[in-house]
Protein backbone atom coordinates (compact mmCIF):
# COMPACT_ATOMS: atom_id res chain seq x y z
CA MET A 1 -2.46 -63.61 2.12
CA ALA A 2 -3.26 -63.36 -1.59
CA ALA A 3 -2.50 -66.97 -2.44
CA SER A 4 -4.92 -68.80 -4.65
CA ALA A 5 -7.23 -71.49 -3.36
CA GLN A 6 -5.46 -74.79 -3.08
CA SER A 7 -6.29 -78.30 -1.93
CA ALA A 8 -4.29 -79.85 0.87
CA PRO A 9 -3.36 -83.54 0.78
CA ASP A 10 -6.36 -84.33 2.99
CA SER A 11 -8.72 -82.69 0.44
CA THR A 12 -9.14 -79.60 2.61
CA LEU A 13 -9.82 -76.50 0.56
CA VAL A 14 -7.46 -73.73 1.69
CA LEU A 15 -8.82 -70.27 0.94
CA SER A 16 -7.27 -66.84 0.97
CA LEU A 17 -9.43 -63.78 1.56
CA ASP A 18 -9.57 -63.08 -2.17
CA ASP A 19 -10.66 -66.65 -2.86
CA ALA A 20 -13.43 -66.44 -0.27
CA LEU A 21 -14.70 -63.16 -1.76
CA LYS A 22 -14.69 -64.50 -5.31
CA ILE A 23 -16.64 -67.60 -4.29
CA ALA A 24 -19.14 -65.49 -2.35
CA LEU A 25 -19.71 -63.16 -5.30
CA SER A 26 -20.75 -66.15 -7.41
CA GLU A 27 -22.49 -68.32 -4.81
CA ASN A 28 -23.99 -66.00 -2.20
CA VAL A 29 -27.79 -66.15 -2.21
CA SER A 30 -28.36 -62.48 -1.36
CA VAL A 31 -26.15 -61.42 -4.27
CA LYS A 32 -28.06 -63.68 -6.66
CA VAL A 33 -31.39 -62.29 -5.45
CA ALA A 34 -30.12 -58.73 -5.92
CA ASP A 35 -28.99 -59.51 -9.48
CA LEU A 36 -32.40 -60.99 -10.27
CA GLU A 37 -34.06 -57.86 -8.91
CA VAL A 38 -31.97 -55.77 -11.32
CA ARG A 39 -33.09 -57.98 -14.20
CA ARG A 40 -36.71 -57.66 -13.10
CA SER A 41 -36.44 -53.86 -13.04
CA ARG A 42 -34.96 -53.83 -16.52
CA TYR A 43 -37.81 -55.97 -17.81
CA ALA A 44 -40.26 -53.56 -16.19
CA LYS A 45 -38.51 -50.66 -17.93
CA ALA A 46 -38.73 -52.45 -21.29
CA GLY A 47 -42.42 -53.06 -20.65
CA THR A 48 -42.94 -49.35 -20.04
CA TYR A 49 -41.28 -48.45 -23.34
CA ALA A 50 -43.71 -50.81 -25.04
CA SER A 51 -46.43 -48.25 -24.31
CA LEU A 52 -44.98 -46.06 -27.07
CA PHE A 53 -45.71 -48.67 -29.72
CA PRO A 54 -49.12 -49.47 -31.22
CA GLN A 55 -51.27 -51.71 -29.09
CA ILE A 56 -53.04 -54.21 -31.37
CA ASN A 57 -55.76 -56.52 -30.11
CA ALA A 58 -58.15 -58.96 -31.75
CA SER A 59 -61.64 -59.28 -30.36
CA GLY A 60 -64.73 -61.35 -30.94
CA SER A 61 -68.18 -61.37 -29.40
CA PHE A 62 -71.54 -63.10 -29.57
CA GLN A 63 -74.78 -61.66 -28.30
CA HIS A 64 -78.18 -63.34 -28.12
CA THR A 65 -81.10 -60.95 -27.78
CA ILE A 66 -83.74 -62.09 -25.31
CA GLU A 67 -86.12 -59.19 -25.86
CA LYS A 68 -85.73 -57.00 -28.95
CA GLN A 69 -85.88 -53.26 -28.77
CA THR A 70 -89.08 -51.50 -29.88
CA MET A 71 -89.04 -48.38 -32.02
CA TYR A 72 -92.03 -46.04 -32.32
CA MET A 73 -92.60 -44.01 -35.51
CA GLY A 74 -96.15 -42.66 -34.87
CA GLY A 75 -97.56 -39.75 -32.91
CA SER A 76 -98.29 -39.48 -29.25
CA GLY A 77 -101.60 -41.37 -29.34
CA SER A 78 -101.87 -45.08 -28.72
CA GLY A 79 -102.31 -47.12 -31.91
CA SER A 80 -101.95 -44.09 -34.22
CA SER A 81 -99.64 -45.79 -36.71
CA GLY A 82 -101.08 -43.83 -39.62
CA GLY A 83 -100.48 -40.33 -38.29
CA GLY A 84 -97.51 -38.27 -37.29
CA MET A 85 -94.26 -39.42 -38.91
CA SER A 86 -96.07 -41.87 -41.27
CA SER A 87 -98.24 -39.10 -42.76
CA MET A 88 -95.23 -36.89 -43.24
CA PHE A 89 -93.23 -39.61 -45.09
CA ALA A 90 -96.24 -40.50 -47.26
CA ALA A 91 -96.64 -36.87 -48.41
CA ALA A 92 -92.92 -36.60 -49.14
CA PHE A 93 -92.74 -39.74 -51.33
CA GLU A 94 -96.02 -39.14 -53.28
CA PRO A 95 -94.32 -37.29 -56.26
CA ILE A 96 -91.70 -40.02 -56.50
CA ASN A 97 -94.32 -42.76 -56.62
CA TYR A 98 -96.19 -40.88 -59.39
CA TYR A 99 -93.00 -40.50 -61.46
CA ILE A 100 -92.15 -44.21 -61.14
CA THR A 101 -95.69 -45.20 -62.16
CA GLU A 102 -95.49 -43.07 -65.37
CA LEU A 103 -92.12 -44.63 -66.29
CA MET A 104 -93.56 -48.12 -65.95
CA LYS A 105 -96.42 -47.22 -68.29
CA GLN A 106 -94.09 -45.78 -70.95
CA HIS A 107 -91.42 -48.51 -70.67
CA PRO A 108 -92.98 -51.76 -69.59
CA GLY A 109 -90.41 -54.18 -68.17
CA ALA A 110 -87.69 -51.56 -67.77
CA ILE A 111 -88.36 -51.25 -64.07
CA ALA A 112 -89.12 -54.30 -61.98
CA PRO A 113 -92.31 -54.04 -60.08
CA TYR A 114 -91.79 -53.11 -56.45
CA THR A 115 -92.16 -55.92 -54.00
CA PRO A 116 -92.71 -54.61 -50.53
CA ALA A 117 -90.45 -55.97 -47.81
CA PRO A 118 -92.02 -58.10 -45.16
CA GLU A 119 -93.56 -56.03 -42.49
CA PRO A 120 -91.50 -55.86 -39.31
CA GLU A 121 -92.83 -57.28 -36.15
CA THR A 122 -95.15 -54.84 -34.56
CA ASP A 123 -96.80 -54.43 -31.27
CA ASP A 124 -100.47 -54.01 -32.17
CA SER A 125 -101.27 -52.49 -28.84
CA ASP A 126 -99.34 -49.25 -29.45
CA GLY A 127 -97.91 -49.43 -33.00
CA GLY A 128 -94.25 -50.12 -31.98
CA ILE A 129 -91.78 -51.87 -34.34
CA LYS A 130 -89.43 -54.65 -33.10
CA VAL A 131 -85.88 -53.88 -34.26
CA GLY A 132 -82.85 -56.18 -34.68
CA ARG A 133 -82.07 -59.91 -34.93
CA SER A 134 -81.81 -62.51 -32.23
CA ASN A 135 -78.11 -63.38 -32.76
CA THR A 136 -75.35 -60.84 -33.25
CA TRP A 137 -71.75 -61.81 -34.11
CA SER A 138 -68.75 -59.51 -34.23
CA ALA A 139 -65.01 -60.03 -34.85
CA GLY A 140 -62.22 -57.66 -35.69
CA ILE A 141 -58.92 -55.96 -34.89
CA ASN A 142 -58.43 -52.76 -32.87
CA ALA A 143 -55.24 -50.69 -32.65
CA SER A 144 -54.26 -47.57 -30.73
CA MET A 145 -51.05 -45.59 -30.29
CA PRO A 146 -50.25 -42.51 -28.20
CA ILE A 147 -49.04 -39.48 -30.15
CA VAL A 148 -48.87 -36.80 -27.46
CA ASN A 149 -48.81 -38.04 -23.86
CA ALA A 150 -46.47 -36.11 -21.55
CA GLN A 151 -47.42 -38.22 -18.53
CA LEU A 152 -46.36 -41.38 -20.35
CA TRP A 153 -43.02 -39.84 -21.30
CA GLN A 154 -42.29 -38.98 -17.68
CA SER A 155 -43.22 -42.52 -16.62
CA LEU A 156 -40.53 -43.84 -18.97
CA GLY A 157 -37.92 -41.80 -17.13
CA LEU A 158 -39.33 -43.02 -13.82
CA SER A 159 -38.80 -46.62 -14.94
CA GLY A 160 -35.17 -45.80 -15.70
CA ASP A 161 -34.74 -44.35 -12.21
CA GLN A 162 -36.20 -47.54 -10.75
CA VAL A 163 -33.58 -49.58 -12.59
CA GLU A 164 -30.81 -47.37 -11.20
CA LEU A 165 -32.21 -47.79 -7.69
CA ALA A 166 -32.30 -51.57 -8.13
CA VAL A 167 -28.66 -51.52 -9.31
CA GLU A 168 -27.66 -49.52 -6.24
CA LYS A 169 -29.52 -51.94 -3.96
CA ALA A 170 -27.66 -54.80 -5.62
CA ARG A 171 -24.44 -52.93 -4.94
CA GLU A 172 -25.49 -52.55 -1.31
CA SER A 173 -26.04 -56.30 -1.14
CA ARG A 174 -22.55 -56.91 -2.50
CA LEU A 175 -20.99 -54.47 -0.06
CA GLY A 176 -22.77 -56.18 2.83
CA MET A 177 -21.70 -59.58 1.56
CA VAL A 178 -18.05 -58.49 1.24
CA SER A 179 -18.14 -57.09 4.77
CA SER A 180 -19.68 -60.30 6.14
CA VAL A 181 -17.09 -62.47 4.38
CA LYS A 182 -14.21 -60.37 5.70
CA GLN A 183 -15.54 -60.44 9.25
CA ALA A 184 -16.05 -64.21 9.08
CA TYR A 185 -12.57 -64.66 7.62
CA TYR A 186 -10.97 -62.55 10.35
CA SER A 187 -12.91 -64.50 12.97
CA VAL A 188 -11.34 -67.72 11.71
CA LEU A 189 -7.88 -66.15 11.87
CA MET A 190 -8.58 -64.88 15.39
CA ALA A 191 -9.75 -68.32 16.51
CA LYS A 192 -6.67 -69.98 15.02
CA GLU A 193 -4.29 -67.46 16.58
CA SER A 194 -6.05 -67.86 19.94
CA TYR A 195 -5.67 -71.60 19.65
CA LYS A 196 -1.91 -71.18 19.16
CA VAL A 197 -1.71 -69.07 22.32
CA TYR A 198 -3.67 -71.53 24.45
CA GLU A 199 -1.79 -74.45 22.91
CA ALA A 200 1.47 -72.81 23.99
CA VAL A 201 0.06 -72.30 27.49
CA PHE A 202 -0.92 -75.96 27.59
CA GLN A 203 2.54 -77.10 26.46
CA ASN A 204 4.17 -74.89 29.08
CA ALA A 205 1.83 -76.31 31.72
CA VAL A 206 2.83 -79.84 30.68
CA GLU A 207 6.55 -79.02 30.89
CA ASN A 208 6.11 -77.29 34.23
CA TYR A 209 4.09 -80.21 35.56
CA LYS A 210 6.79 -82.71 34.53
CA LEU A 211 9.53 -80.57 36.02
CA THR A 212 7.61 -80.04 39.26
CA GLU A 213 6.82 -83.75 39.49
CA MET A 214 10.50 -84.63 39.14
CA ARG A 215 11.46 -82.09 41.77
CA TYR A 216 8.65 -83.26 44.04
CA ASN A 217 9.74 -86.89 43.72
CA ALA A 218 13.28 -85.74 44.52
CA GLN A 219 11.89 -83.84 47.51
CA LYS A 220 13.10 -80.53 46.08
CA ALA A 221 9.58 -79.12 45.57
CA SER A 222 6.75 -78.82 48.03
CA GLU A 223 3.44 -80.57 47.73
CA LEU A 224 1.86 -77.16 47.28
CA ASP A 225 3.95 -76.50 44.15
CA PHE A 226 3.11 -79.96 42.80
CA THR A 227 -0.60 -79.38 43.38
CA ARG A 228 -0.40 -75.97 41.71
CA ALA A 229 1.36 -77.46 38.69
CA LYS A 230 -1.33 -80.12 38.39
CA SER A 231 -4.16 -77.54 38.65
CA SER A 232 -2.46 -75.26 36.09
CA LEU A 233 -2.30 -78.16 33.66
CA ALA A 234 -5.96 -79.03 34.28
CA SER A 235 -7.10 -75.42 33.80
CA ALA A 236 -5.20 -75.12 30.50
CA ILE A 237 -7.07 -78.02 28.87
CA PRO A 238 -10.56 -76.37 28.62
CA ASN A 239 -9.06 -73.32 26.89
CA VAL A 240 -7.61 -75.56 24.20
CA TYR A 241 -10.94 -77.29 23.62
CA ASN A 242 -12.81 -74.00 23.57
CA SER A 243 -10.40 -72.52 21.04
CA LEU A 244 -10.76 -75.59 18.82
CA ASN A 245 -14.54 -75.29 18.99
CA ALA A 246 -14.27 -71.57 18.17
CA ILE A 247 -12.29 -72.46 15.03
CA GLN A 248 -14.98 -74.91 13.92
CA LEU A 249 -17.79 -72.43 14.54
CA ALA A 250 -15.94 -69.68 12.68
CA LEU A 251 -15.34 -71.99 9.71
CA TRP A 252 -19.04 -72.91 9.61
CA GLN A 253 -19.94 -69.23 9.60
CA LEU A 254 -17.47 -68.56 6.79
CA LYS A 255 -18.85 -71.44 4.71
CA ALA A 256 -22.41 -70.23 5.26
CA VAL A 257 -21.55 -66.69 4.18
CA ILE A 258 -19.67 -67.62 1.02
CA GLY A 259 -22.24 -70.26 0.05
CA LEU A 260 -20.25 -73.49 0.45
CA ASP A 261 -21.56 -76.81 1.72
CA LEU A 262 -21.22 -76.95 5.51
CA ASP A 263 -19.78 -80.47 5.24
CA ARG A 264 -16.96 -79.28 2.98
CA ASP A 265 -13.59 -79.17 4.75
CA ILE A 266 -11.97 -75.76 4.35
CA ASP A 267 -9.19 -73.76 5.97
CA VAL A 268 -7.87 -70.23 5.61
CA SER A 269 -4.38 -69.06 4.77
CA GLY A 270 -2.47 -66.14 6.21
CA SER A 271 -2.12 -64.77 9.73
CA PHE A 272 -2.58 -61.55 11.64
CA ASP A 273 1.08 -60.72 11.09
CA ASP A 274 0.33 -60.20 7.37
CA TYR A 275 -2.24 -57.52 8.24
CA ALA A 276 -0.43 -55.98 11.19
CA ASP A 277 2.37 -54.74 8.93
CA LEU A 278 -0.17 -52.75 6.86
CA MET A 279 -2.12 -51.13 9.69
CA PHE A 280 -0.29 -47.79 9.59
CA ARG A 281 -0.63 -47.51 5.82
CA ASP A 282 -4.30 -48.52 5.79
CA ILE A 283 -5.45 -45.98 8.37
CA HIS A 284 -3.78 -43.08 6.55
CA GLU A 285 -5.13 -44.13 3.14
CA LEU A 286 -8.66 -44.42 4.48
CA SER A 287 -8.40 -41.12 6.35
CA ASP A 288 -7.22 -39.28 3.25
CA THR A 289 -9.78 -40.80 0.87
CA ALA A 290 -12.81 -40.80 3.19
CA SER A 291 -15.74 -39.46 1.15
CA LEU A 292 -19.49 -39.90 1.25
CA ASP A 293 -19.79 -40.10 -2.53
CA GLY A 294 -19.73 -43.89 -2.50
CA ASN A 295 -22.04 -44.43 0.46
CA THR A 296 -24.83 -46.64 -0.79
CA GLN A 297 -27.44 -45.33 1.66
CA LEU A 298 -26.99 -41.73 0.51
CA ARG A 299 -26.94 -42.81 -3.12
CA GLN A 300 -30.22 -44.66 -2.67
CA LEU A 301 -31.76 -41.63 -0.99
CA SER A 302 -30.58 -39.45 -3.89
CA ALA A 303 -32.12 -41.90 -6.36
CA GLN A 304 -35.40 -41.88 -4.44
CA ALA A 305 -35.37 -38.07 -4.40
CA GLU A 306 -34.91 -38.01 -8.17
CA MET A 307 -37.77 -40.48 -8.54
CA LEU A 308 -40.04 -38.24 -6.44
CA SER A 309 -39.07 -35.20 -8.54
CA ARG A 310 -39.88 -37.08 -11.71
CA GLN A 311 -43.09 -38.33 -10.16
CA ILE A 312 -44.12 -34.72 -9.47
CA ARG A 313 -43.41 -33.85 -13.09
CA MET A 314 -45.45 -36.85 -14.19
CA GLN A 315 -48.37 -35.77 -12.01
CA GLN A 316 -48.14 -32.23 -13.36
CA ALA A 317 -48.22 -33.66 -16.88
CA ALA A 318 -51.71 -34.97 -16.09
CA TYR A 319 -52.94 -31.39 -16.77
CA ILE A 320 -51.63 -31.57 -20.36
CA PRO A 321 -54.04 -32.81 -23.09
CA THR A 322 -53.30 -36.18 -24.67
CA LEU A 323 -53.65 -37.16 -28.30
CA SER A 324 -53.82 -40.74 -29.56
CA LEU A 325 -54.39 -42.51 -32.85
CA ALA A 326 -57.06 -45.21 -33.10
CA PHE A 327 -57.91 -47.76 -35.79
CA ALA A 328 -60.48 -50.56 -35.96
CA TYR A 329 -61.61 -53.08 -38.56
CA ASN A 330 -64.55 -55.28 -37.62
CA TYR A 331 -66.97 -57.70 -39.28
CA ASN A 332 -70.55 -57.96 -38.02
CA ALA A 333 -73.36 -60.40 -38.73
CA MET A 334 -76.94 -60.59 -37.47
CA ALA A 335 -79.28 -63.54 -37.93
CA GLU A 336 -82.20 -65.39 -36.45
CA ASN A 337 -80.57 -68.83 -36.71
CA PHE A 338 -77.18 -70.59 -36.44
CA ASP A 339 -76.77 -71.44 -40.13
CA PHE A 340 -73.40 -69.73 -40.68
CA SER A 341 -73.40 -70.40 -44.44
CA THR A 342 -76.29 -67.96 -44.88
CA TYR A 343 -74.82 -65.19 -42.78
CA ARG A 344 -74.09 -61.84 -44.39
CA TRP A 345 -70.91 -60.41 -42.89
CA THR A 346 -70.58 -56.66 -43.23
CA PRO A 347 -67.32 -54.84 -42.54
CA TYR A 348 -67.01 -51.81 -40.35
CA SER A 349 -63.74 -49.87 -40.00
CA TYR A 350 -62.49 -46.48 -38.96
CA VAL A 351 -59.31 -44.53 -38.27
CA GLY A 352 -59.23 -41.40 -36.19
CA LEU A 353 -57.65 -39.20 -33.58
CA GLN A 354 -58.76 -38.97 -29.98
CA LEU A 355 -58.05 -35.80 -28.00
CA ASN A 356 -58.48 -35.88 -24.25
CA ILE A 357 -58.44 -32.52 -22.45
CA PRO A 358 -58.48 -32.70 -18.64
CA ILE A 359 -60.70 -30.01 -17.19
CA PHE A 360 -61.81 -30.86 -13.67
CA SER A 361 -61.11 -33.80 -11.35
CA GLY A 362 -62.35 -32.48 -8.04
CA GLY A 363 -58.84 -31.41 -6.99
CA GLN A 364 -57.45 -34.94 -7.06
CA ARG A 365 -54.45 -34.08 -9.24
CA PHE A 366 -53.67 -30.98 -7.20
CA HIS A 367 -53.65 -32.81 -3.87
CA THR A 368 -51.67 -35.72 -5.29
CA ILE A 369 -48.89 -33.31 -6.27
CA LYS A 370 -48.97 -31.75 -2.81
CA GLN A 371 -48.70 -35.19 -1.23
CA THR A 372 -45.66 -36.11 -3.31
CA ARG A 373 -43.96 -32.83 -2.45
CA VAL A 374 -44.42 -33.56 1.24
CA GLN A 375 -42.85 -36.98 0.70
CA LYS A 376 -39.88 -35.30 -0.96
CA GLU A 377 -39.46 -32.96 2.03
CA GLU A 378 -39.57 -35.96 4.38
CA LEU A 379 -36.93 -37.71 2.29
CA GLU A 380 -34.67 -34.66 2.43
CA LEU A 381 -34.87 -34.64 6.23
CA GLN A 382 -34.06 -38.36 6.25
CA ARG A 383 -31.06 -37.71 4.02
CA ILE A 384 -29.73 -35.01 6.35
CA ASN A 385 -30.10 -37.28 9.37
CA ALA A 386 -28.54 -40.23 7.53
CA GLU A 387 -25.56 -38.14 6.47
CA ARG A 388 -25.04 -37.04 10.07
CA GLN A 389 -25.15 -40.64 11.33
CA ILE A 390 -22.79 -41.79 8.59
CA ARG A 391 -20.22 -39.12 9.47
CA ILE A 392 -20.40 -40.26 13.10
CA ALA A 393 -19.88 -43.88 12.00
CA ILE A 394 -16.84 -42.88 9.94
CA ARG A 395 -15.29 -41.07 12.90
CA GLN A 396 -16.00 -44.00 15.19
CA SER A 397 -14.34 -46.43 12.78
CA LEU A 398 -11.28 -44.21 12.38
CA SER A 399 -11.06 -43.73 16.14
CA THR A 400 -11.33 -47.49 16.73
CA MET A 401 -8.64 -48.14 14.15
CA ASP A 402 -6.36 -45.54 15.71
CA THR A 403 -6.92 -46.97 19.19
CA ALA A 404 -6.30 -50.51 17.94
CA MET A 405 -3.07 -49.45 16.26
CA LYS A 406 -1.82 -47.73 19.42
CA THR A 407 -2.85 -50.76 21.48
CA TYR A 408 -0.95 -52.99 19.07
CA ASP A 409 2.22 -50.92 19.38
CA ALA A 410 1.99 -50.95 23.18
CA ALA A 411 1.19 -54.67 23.32
CA LYS A 412 4.05 -55.43 20.96
CA ASP A 413 6.52 -53.71 23.24
CA ALA A 414 4.92 -55.35 26.29
CA LEU A 415 5.17 -58.75 24.60
CA GLU A 416 8.93 -58.52 24.34
CA SER A 417 9.19 -57.74 28.04
CA ALA A 418 6.71 -60.48 28.97
CA GLU A 419 8.57 -63.09 26.93
CA LYS A 420 11.87 -62.07 28.50
CA ALA A 421 10.35 -62.16 31.99
CA TYR A 422 8.90 -65.61 31.37
CA ASP A 423 12.24 -66.96 30.13
CA ILE A 424 13.97 -65.63 33.22
CA ALA A 425 11.30 -67.03 35.54
CA SER A 426 11.37 -70.40 33.76
CA LYS A 427 15.14 -70.76 34.05
CA SER A 428 15.07 -69.56 37.64
CA TYR A 429 12.41 -72.13 38.48
CA GLN A 430 14.43 -74.89 36.82
CA VAL A 431 17.43 -74.15 39.05
CA GLY A 432 15.23 -73.62 42.09
CA LYS A 433 15.75 -69.87 42.48
CA SER A 434 12.03 -68.96 42.02
CA THR A 435 8.69 -70.49 42.87
CA LEU A 436 6.04 -71.95 40.64
CA THR A 437 3.81 -69.03 41.59
CA ASP A 438 6.31 -66.60 40.11
CA LEU A 439 6.43 -68.68 36.92
CA ASN A 440 2.64 -68.85 36.65
CA ASN A 441 2.34 -65.09 37.17
CA THR A 442 4.78 -64.34 34.37
CA GLU A 443 3.02 -66.82 32.11
CA LEU A 444 -0.34 -65.21 32.83
CA VAL A 445 1.04 -61.82 31.89
CA LEU A 446 2.54 -63.30 28.72
CA THR A 447 -0.77 -64.89 27.74
CA GLN A 448 -2.73 -61.71 28.37
CA THR A 449 -0.23 -59.69 26.34
CA ARG A 450 -0.45 -62.08 23.40
CA MET A 451 -4.24 -61.96 23.45
CA GLN A 452 -4.19 -58.14 23.63
CA LEU A 453 -1.92 -58.10 20.59
CA LEU A 454 -4.27 -60.38 18.65
CA GLN A 455 -7.38 -58.51 19.81
CA SER A 456 -5.95 -55.17 18.69
CA VAL A 457 -5.33 -56.50 15.16
CA TYR A 458 -8.79 -58.10 15.10
CA ASN A 459 -10.46 -54.85 16.23
CA PHE A 460 -8.51 -52.89 13.63
CA LEU A 461 -9.56 -55.21 10.79
CA ASN A 462 -13.22 -55.22 11.83
CA ALA A 463 -13.26 -51.42 12.11
CA LYS A 464 -11.57 -51.14 8.72
CA THR A 465 -14.14 -53.50 7.19
CA GLY A 466 -17.00 -51.45 8.58
CA LEU A 467 -15.41 -48.23 7.34
CA GLU A 468 -14.94 -49.63 3.84
CA GLN A 469 -18.59 -50.66 3.77
CA THR A 470 -19.67 -47.22 5.00
CA LEU A 471 -17.55 -45.46 2.38
CA GLY A 472 -18.93 -47.80 -0.29
CA TYR A 473 -15.64 -49.33 -1.41
CA ASP A 474 -16.28 -52.07 -3.93
CA TYR A 475 -14.40 -55.35 -3.78
CA ASN A 476 -11.97 -54.38 -6.55
CA GLU A 477 -11.16 -51.17 -4.67
């Protein structure tokens, strides 16, 4: 049963159950997808942690002004450029102008004569001044980093919970794959054992037909017995073909589950006798160790409940003020042309703290928390119902295993009697002391008993496989 994979002389790959499981763990598509999902979740978690580090970005922009802004310095009247603000500035600078004029008289050449700047563009209709240049260029680096952000800290924990949930889902995929491989493997064994039974029936039908034909030719058997022997032989042939086809279909299913090429020739080792000897031990071990701690459905529900609790804490953290550090260093240039060699680039930089205090959001945060709490209550009800269904499934599996074991014991005792009865009927028919009908009846009972024996082992193994999946037993367990 635990033999390693080996190649037969005809290049047929012979697999044990352990070999099939090992191949499936490395080749099964659903397992590979689950592993990739775990990797994706871990990358997402790493991306969330990146929010704690400074975010640095370079930026550049160009802006062409179609219509310049107009600034007004005068009073309220139209065209009053000489009043209002202008009169006030003229009065304020009059002592300064007088002082500069006296210095120029006393020290000629010490102060360069003032050359007035070109007058800005003005709108003669109302005295407005056109401000700015046509082309504006800007380039620089901006950086920001959170210092106090409770909501971000909770989101980091939420990302960790998502990774744990992905790992548990991958485990669920493996448990399902192991269960599927075992069921497919047992189906192949069942098909092969059934073929042996129907092959034995066919061989007995051939022997009985030959014996009846000889007796019929010797006029020691009736035509009715000869016809019955011929029909028994004919009815045994379809069962052999059907059992052979069942073996092929079961092997295809096994190859599909473990991820092998469907054209690859494989076979399985072992028989039901290897498992039948362990039935009593297996049912007691599983009964004694049955626990819901390893059930993947309950573990996923627990992980989802923890995620909802953390999500509530994250939403509550939205009421807490946030503090972040900001830095920028930019260069700006403004010009009327595209002659870059004449541009004057002026730097502009700052560093500072930004405090954000949430005050009012129309009740959005409050209702979001309420919504998440309702989801958590729904999840708790789902967990209670799931636990109830799982306990029922465990009891059903144990009951099926117990019934199968009792059926096996009864069929085993019945098989001894059926084999003895068939031997007696066969010898009696050979010496002419019984009819072919008596022989066929005993053979039918023998065949049914053998199939009941095989079916009981098959039912036990399938129930055990389902129970192991429900309890969350990993492959190495």
